[in-house]
Amino acid sequence: MTVEQLPPLIIGGSVHNHIYNSDPSSLPTTSILDLAFENGFNAIDSSPYYGRSEQYFGVALAALKQKWPRESYYICTKAGRYGANDFDYSRTRVRASVMQSLQRFQTTYLDAVCMHDIEFVGVDEVMEALKELRLLKNEGLVRAIGVSGYPIELLYEVALAAKNDAEIGPLDVILSYSNGCLQNTRLFDVYDKFFTECGVKRLMNGSILSMSLLRSQSTHDFHPASDSLKAKAKQVAAHLKEKDIDVADLATRFAMRKTLYENGNLTNRSSVVLGVSSVHELELALENYSEVERKVDNEEEEEVYREVQRMFGENFNERWDSGRVKY
């Protein structure tokens, strides 16, 4: 399975981090993966930073191996970040991290590995880490390489630099988060440049609810957004509730439409990463996907998107500091 064959939806593993769930071991990971795979969404995204996510996925995949053999699904994970303030982009640690991930997933190869949250280290460190990933790719232990992070401009800068570096070459994957959502659409402004200028093969759009900002429940305490943005998001959710619209469902459909479709047709260039903590959450996501699929061009809902973005006002496209990048 190649990066070009990735499904539109990818099951994310950030929910295994304690900041999202108090008891990640209780999540029905095996059932979630089985249902996702049955619906054709046979890809997962994880990281050593997401608690024991790799181990939970590994155990679940082993339990499903008779039904879903290794070649039937896609594993994307990361390297470089191991804790809130624990970053190590050295080539020796990158290699050791990949070897550890192979053990945790109980596999002989990883379909993709991205350097995690590149804005927390210098560009030179990122480039050295990518050179090691390229070697691991040449050795067949990794089949695709890339970077992940929050600042769109930095992702583009590194992707372009990699393309022009003979020891690395064009990156296979870019994973962006919280920049392709109902509140922040900056990803879509530069979407084409990653492909046309940087030679990237696949773009992944993660955290389409912006790390809990776009939901009816309260925003998680750890969220780095400004108080004014959090307050505005709460107002938006309440306004939509009066119209019998759930903000999370609306935001999910928005991200799916803008990420997965071009001129009304499903694109082969991008995927949405979904973090789901239960089978019910996955079923809701699948319902939203089916609704989008049935009616890609929905002018009535497009007007609701525009209304919500007007409500955000000066908080629309607002960003927060991340790592070395300040806004």
Protein backbone atom coordinates (compact mmCIF):
# COMPACT_ATOMS: atom_id res chain seq x y z
CA MET A 1 0.00 0.00 0.00
CA THR A 2 1.53 3.30 -1.09
CA VAL A 3 0.99 6.83 0.19
CA GLU A 4 -1.03 7.58 -2.93
CA GLN A 5 -3.45 4.80 -1.91
CA LEU A 6 -4.28 6.27 1.49
CA PRO A 7 -8.01 6.39 2.22
CA PRO A 8 -9.84 9.70 2.72
CA LEU A 9 -10.17 9.11 6.47
CA ILE A 10 -7.37 8.00 8.81
CA ILE A 11 -7.86 6.86 12.42
CA GLY A 12 -5.75 9.03 14.72
CA GLY A 13 -4.05 7.90 17.92
CA SER A 14 -3.78 11.18 19.84
CA VAL A 15 -6.83 10.07 21.86
CA HIS A 16 -4.51 7.61 23.62
CA ASN A 17 -2.76 10.55 25.26
CA HIS A 18 -3.89 11.21 28.85
CA ILE A 19 -4.64 14.84 27.99
CA TYR A 20 -7.62 13.58 25.96
CA ASN A 21 -8.69 10.49 27.92
CA SER A 22 -8.07 9.72 31.59
CA ASP A 23 -7.90 5.96 30.93
CA PRO A 24 -6.71 5.31 27.35
CA SER A 25 -6.41 1.58 28.06
CA SER A 26 -10.20 1.39 28.31
CA LEU A 27 -10.78 2.61 24.75
CA PRO A 28 -12.22 -0.02 22.36
CA THR A 29 -9.30 0.31 19.95
CA THR A 30 -9.78 -3.11 18.36
CA SER A 31 -13.47 -2.49 17.62
CA ILE A 32 -12.74 1.00 16.29
CA LEU A 33 -10.11 -0.28 13.87
CA ASP A 34 -12.25 -3.19 12.72
CA LEU A 35 -15.20 -0.92 11.90
CA ALA A 36 -12.97 1.65 10.20
CA PHE A 37 -11.26 -1.00 8.08
CA GLU A 38 -14.61 -2.54 7.14
CA ASN A 39 -15.64 0.84 5.76
CA GLY A 40 -12.46 1.15 3.70
CA PHE A 41 -10.65 3.53 6.02
CA ASN A 42 -7.68 1.24 6.57
CA ALA A 43 -5.04 3.63 7.91
CA ILE A 44 -3.89 4.79 11.34
CA ASP A 45 -1.74 7.65 12.61
CA SER A 46 0.14 7.51 15.88
CA SER A 47 3.23 8.80 17.73
CA PRO A 48 5.46 7.89 20.67
CA TYR A 49 4.20 11.19 22.16
CA TYR A 50 0.63 9.86 22.32
CA GLY A 51 1.12 7.85 25.50
CA ARG A 52 0.92 4.12 24.77
CA SER A 53 -0.88 4.67 21.46
CA GLU A 54 1.56 2.61 19.41
CA GLN A 55 1.28 -0.30 21.86
CA TYR A 56 -2.53 -0.16 21.93
CA PHE A 57 -2.67 -0.10 18.14
CA GLY A 58 -0.13 -2.93 17.97
CA VAL A 59 -2.16 -5.18 20.26
CA ALA A 60 -5.37 -4.38 18.36
CA LEU A 61 -3.79 -5.09 14.98
CA ALA A 62 -2.39 -8.38 16.26
CA ALA A 63 -5.88 -9.38 17.42
CA LEU A 64 -7.24 -8.57 13.95
CA LYS A 65 -4.44 -10.13 11.91
CA GLN A 66 -6.50 -13.06 10.61
CA LYS A 67 -9.12 -10.71 9.23
CA TRP A 68 -6.78 -7.84 8.38
CA PRO A 69 -3.26 -8.98 7.40
CA ARG A 70 -0.41 -6.48 7.51
CA GLU A 71 -0.54 -5.58 3.82
CA SER A 72 -4.20 -4.57 4.11
CA TYR A 73 -3.66 -1.40 6.18
CA TYR A 74 -1.36 1.62 6.46
CA ILE A 75 0.63 2.64 9.56
CA CYS A 76 1.83 6.22 9.93
CA THR A 77 3.70 7.23 13.07
CA LYS A 78 6.19 9.86 14.15
CA ALA A 79 9.59 10.45 15.71
CA GLY A 80 11.33 13.32 17.48
CA ARG A 81 8.82 14.18 20.21
CA TYR A 82 8.44 11.97 23.26
CA GLY A 83 6.94 14.26 25.91
CA ALA A 84 5.61 17.76 26.45
CA ASN A 85 9.17 19.12 26.55
CA ASP A 86 11.08 16.07 25.37
CA PHE A 87 12.44 16.52 21.85
CA ASP A 88 15.33 14.61 20.32
CA TYR A 89 15.95 14.94 16.59
CA SER A 90 19.42 13.38 16.64
CA ARG A 91 19.96 10.79 13.95
CA THR A 92 20.70 8.05 16.49
CA ARG A 93 17.45 8.74 18.38
CA VAL A 94 15.42 8.91 15.16
CA ARG A 95 16.69 5.47 14.17
CA ALA A 96 16.13 4.09 17.66
CA SER A 97 12.61 5.56 17.69
CA VAL A 98 11.72 3.87 14.40
CA MET A 99 13.07 0.54 15.65
CA GLN A 100 11.01 0.91 18.83
CA SER A 101 7.88 1.72 16.82
CA LEU A 102 8.41 -1.40 14.72
CA GLN A 103 8.41 -3.46 17.91
CA ARG A 104 5.34 -1.73 19.33
CA PHE A 105 3.34 -2.19 16.15
CA GLN A 106 4.63 -5.78 15.84
CA THR A 107 5.61 -5.19 12.22
CA THR A 108 8.69 -5.29 9.98
CA TYR A 109 8.03 -1.96 8.27
CA LEU A 110 6.25 1.35 8.80
CA ASP A 111 4.32 2.85 5.91
CA ALA A 112 5.17 6.43 6.89
CA VAL A 113 7.13 8.27 9.58
CA CYS A 114 6.90 12.03 10.14
CA MET A 115 9.14 14.17 12.29
CA HIS A 116 6.81 15.37 15.04
CA ASP A 117 6.10 19.07 15.75
CA ILE A 118 9.05 20.48 13.85
CA GLU A 119 8.50 24.03 15.15
CA PHE A 120 10.06 23.08 18.49
CA VAL A 121 13.55 22.55 17.06
CA GLY A 122 15.76 24.33 14.54
CA VAL A 123 15.42 23.76 10.80
CA ASP A 124 18.95 22.32 10.65
CA GLU A 125 17.96 19.67 13.21
CA VAL A 126 14.87 18.82 11.18
CA MET A 127 16.92 18.39 8.02
CA GLU A 128 19.40 16.07 9.75
CA ALA A 129 16.55 13.97 11.11
CA LEU A 130 15.00 13.76 7.65
CA LYS A 131 18.30 12.52 6.25
CA GLU A 132 18.18 9.63 8.71
CA LEU A 133 14.58 8.91 7.78
CA ARG A 134 15.64 8.84 4.13
CA LEU A 135 18.27 6.21 4.98
CA LEU A 136 15.63 4.17 6.80
CA LYS A 137 13.44 4.49 3.73
CA ASN A 138 16.29 3.26 1.53
CA GLU A 139 16.64 0.28 3.88
CA GLY A 140 12.95 -0.59 3.52
CA LEU A 141 12.11 -0.09 7.19
CA VAL A 142 10.10 3.03 6.34
CA ARG A 143 8.21 3.46 3.08
CA ALA A 144 7.37 7.17 3.20
CA ILE A 145 8.73 10.15 5.16
CA GLY A 146 7.49 13.59 6.09
CA VAL A 147 6.98 16.26 8.74
CA SER A 148 4.18 17.37 11.03
CA GLY A 149 3.52 20.57 12.91
CA TYR A 150 1.29 23.58 13.50
CA PRO A 151 2.84 26.54 11.61
CA ILE A 152 1.90 26.18 7.94
CA GLU A 153 4.71 28.46 6.77
CA LEU A 154 7.33 26.30 8.46
CA LEU A 155 5.91 23.09 7.00
CA TYR A 156 6.17 24.66 3.55
CA GLU A 157 9.70 25.97 4.19
CA VAL A 158 10.98 22.56 5.28
CA ALA A 159 9.17 20.72 2.48
CA LEU A 160 10.74 23.02 -0.10
CA ALA A 161 14.19 22.71 1.50
CA ALA A 162 13.91 18.91 1.53
CA LYS A 163 13.02 18.86 -2.16
CA ASN A 164 16.17 20.83 -2.92
CA ASP A 165 18.42 18.66 -0.72
CA ALA A 166 19.88 15.70 -2.61
CA GLU A 167 20.21 13.68 0.62
CA ILE A 168 16.47 13.93 1.30
CA GLY A 169 14.43 14.72 -1.80
CA PRO A 170 10.71 15.58 -1.97
CA LEU A 171 8.78 14.61 1.14
CA ASP A 172 6.03 12.04 0.78
CA VAL A 173 3.75 13.31 3.53
CA ILE A 174 2.84 16.56 5.29
CA LEU A 175 0.66 16.43 8.41
CA SER A 176 -0.89 19.76 9.37
CA TYR A 177 -3.29 20.29 12.25
CA SER A 178 -5.82 22.93 13.34
CA ASN A 179 -5.16 24.97 10.19
CA GLY A 180 -7.77 23.25 8.03
CA CYS A 181 -10.88 23.70 10.13
CA LEU A 182 -14.00 25.84 10.42
CA GLN A 183 -12.18 28.47 12.51
CA ASN A 184 -8.86 28.50 10.64
CA THR A 185 -8.63 27.86 6.89
CA ARG A 186 -5.02 28.85 6.28
CA LEU A 187 -4.12 25.34 5.11
CA PHE A 188 -6.44 25.64 2.13
CA ASP A 189 -4.83 28.93 1.07
CA VAL A 190 -1.48 27.20 0.46
CA TYR A 191 -2.75 23.68 -0.26
CA ASP A 192 -1.64 23.54 -3.90
CA LYS A 193 1.87 24.86 -3.19
CA PHE A 194 2.80 21.72 -1.25
CA PHE A 195 2.18 19.65 -4.37
CA THR A 196 3.23 21.96 -7.20
CA GLU A 197 6.27 23.57 -5.56
CA CYS A 198 7.43 20.98 -3.01
CA GLY A 199 6.55 17.72 -4.76
CA VAL A 200 4.66 16.35 -1.74
CA LYS A 201 2.56 13.26 -2.46
CA ARG A 202 0.03 13.39 0.37
CA LEU A 203 -1.33 16.03 2.70
CA MET A 204 -2.99 15.01 5.96
CA ASN A 205 -5.34 17.38 7.77
CA GLY A 206 -5.49 16.63 11.49
CA SER A 207 -7.37 18.03 14.48
CA ILE A 208 -10.32 19.23 12.42
CA LEU A 209 -12.13 20.16 15.65
CA SER A 210 -9.02 22.15 16.61
CA MET A 211 -8.14 20.09 19.67
CA SER A 212 -11.65 20.38 21.20
CA LEU A 213 -12.23 24.07 20.35
CA LEU A 214 -15.04 23.23 17.92
CA ARG A 215 -17.40 21.14 20.01
CA SER A 216 -20.40 21.68 22.26
CA GLN A 217 -18.53 20.46 25.35
CA SER A 218 -15.99 22.71 27.05
CA THR A 219 -12.59 23.20 25.45
CA HIS A 220 -9.80 21.19 27.10
CA ASP A 221 -7.82 23.12 29.72
CA PHE A 222 -4.52 22.57 27.91
CA HIS A 223 -5.72 24.32 24.74
CA PRO A 224 -3.32 27.18 23.84
CA ALA A 225 -5.92 29.44 22.17
CA SER A 226 -6.58 32.92 23.55
CA ASP A 227 -9.42 33.43 26.01
CA SER A 228 -11.25 35.54 23.44
CA LEU A 229 -11.08 32.76 20.83
CA LYS A 230 -12.29 30.18 23.34
CA ALA A 231 -15.17 32.46 24.34
CA LYS A 232 -16.12 33.07 20.71
CA ALA A 233 -16.06 29.33 19.97
CA LYS A 234 -18.43 28.79 22.90
CA GLN A 235 -20.78 31.47 21.50
CA VAL A 236 -20.69 29.83 18.07
CA ALA A 237 -21.56 26.42 19.55
CA ALA A 238 -24.48 27.90 21.50
CA HIS A 239 -25.76 29.77 18.43
CA LEU A 240 -25.68 26.62 16.33
CA LYS A 241 -27.39 24.60 19.06
CA GLU A 242 -30.34 27.00 18.84
CA LYS A 243 -30.58 25.97 15.18
CA ASP A 244 -30.38 22.30 16.15
CA ILE A 245 -26.90 22.04 14.61
CA ASP A 246 -24.05 20.36 16.47
CA VAL A 247 -20.88 22.38 15.99
CA ALA A 248 -18.64 19.29 15.93
CA ASP A 249 -20.69 17.66 13.18
CA LEU A 250 -20.73 20.89 11.17
CA ALA A 251 -16.98 21.34 11.61
CA THR A 252 -16.36 17.73 10.60
CA ARG A 253 -18.33 18.08 7.38
CA PHE A 254 -16.63 21.39 6.62
CA ALA A 255 -13.15 19.90 6.92
CA MET A 256 -14.11 16.83 4.89
CA ARG A 257 -15.53 18.94 2.07
CA LYS A 258 -12.61 21.35 1.92
CA THR A 259 -9.88 18.72 2.36
CA LEU A 260 -11.14 15.78 0.36
CA TYR A 261 -12.93 17.32 -2.61
CA GLU A 262 -11.83 19.50 -5.51
CA ASN A 263 -14.43 20.77 -7.97
CA GLY A 264 -16.93 18.30 -6.58
CA ASN A 265 -14.69 15.27 -7.06
CA LEU A 266 -12.83 13.22 -4.46
CA THR A 267 -9.14 14.08 -4.63
CA ASN A 268 -6.33 11.55 -4.35
CA ARG A 269 -4.01 14.05 -2.69
CA SER A 270 -5.26 14.43 0.87
CA SER A 271 -6.76 12.70 3.90
CA VAL A 272 -8.47 13.76 7.13
CA VAL A 273 -7.11 12.33 10.40
CA LEU A 274 -9.90 11.55 12.88
CA GLY A 275 -9.31 11.01 16.58
CA VAL A 276 -12.18 8.87 17.89
CA SER A 277 -12.50 7.48 21.42
CA SER A 278 -15.47 5.17 20.87
CA VAL A 279 -17.29 3.17 18.23
CA HIS A 280 -20.14 5.68 18.51
CA GLU A 281 -17.82 8.59 17.69
CA LEU A 282 -16.57 6.69 14.66
CA GLU A 283 -20.14 5.95 13.56
CA LEU A 284 -20.95 9.67 13.77
CA ALA A 285 -17.88 10.49 11.68
CA LEU A 286 -18.89 7.89 9.10
CA GLU A 287 -22.39 9.38 8.97
CA ASN A 288 -20.92 12.83 8.37
CA TYR A 289 -18.68 11.44 5.65
CA SER A 290 -21.64 9.75 3.96
CA GLU A 291 -23.63 12.98 4.14
CA VAL A 292 -20.81 14.88 2.44
CA GLU A 293 -20.40 12.12 -0.13
CA ARG A 294 -24.12 12.23 -0.99
CA LYS A 295 -24.12 16.00 -1.47
CA VAL A 296 -20.66 17.49 -1.92
CA ASP A 297 -21.99 20.86 -3.08
CA ASN A 298 -24.43 21.87 -0.35
CA GLU A 299 -25.12 25.59 -0.71
CA GLU A 300 -27.40 25.67 2.32
CA GLU A 301 -24.66 24.32 4.56
CA GLU A 302 -22.04 26.49 2.85
CA GLU A 303 -24.04 29.50 4.00
CA VAL A 304 -23.91 28.20 7.58
CA TYR A 305 -20.12 27.90 7.25
CA ARG A 306 -19.93 31.53 6.13
CA GLU A 307 -22.23 32.64 8.94
CA VAL A 308 -20.07 30.89 11.54
CA GLN A 309 -16.88 32.38 10.15
CA ARG A 310 -18.43 35.85 10.25
CA MET A 311 -19.34 35.21 13.88
CA PHE A 312 -15.71 34.44 14.69
CA GLY A 313 -14.89 37.95 13.46
CA GLU A 314 -11.33 38.95 14.34
CA ASN A 315 -10.84 35.48 15.86
CA PHE A 316 -11.30 33.85 12.46
CA ASN A 317 -7.91 32.50 11.32
CA GLU A 318 -6.43 33.48 14.69
CA ARG A 319 -3.46 31.33 15.65
CA TRP A 320 -1.44 30.71 18.79
CA ASP A 321 2.27 30.51 19.49
CA SER A 322 3.79 27.07 19.01
CA GLY A 323 7.39 26.17 19.76
CA ARG A 324 9.78 28.68 18.21
CA VAL A 325 7.06 30.25 16.07
CA LYS A 326 5.29 33.27 17.54
CA TYR A 327 2.23 35.02 16.12
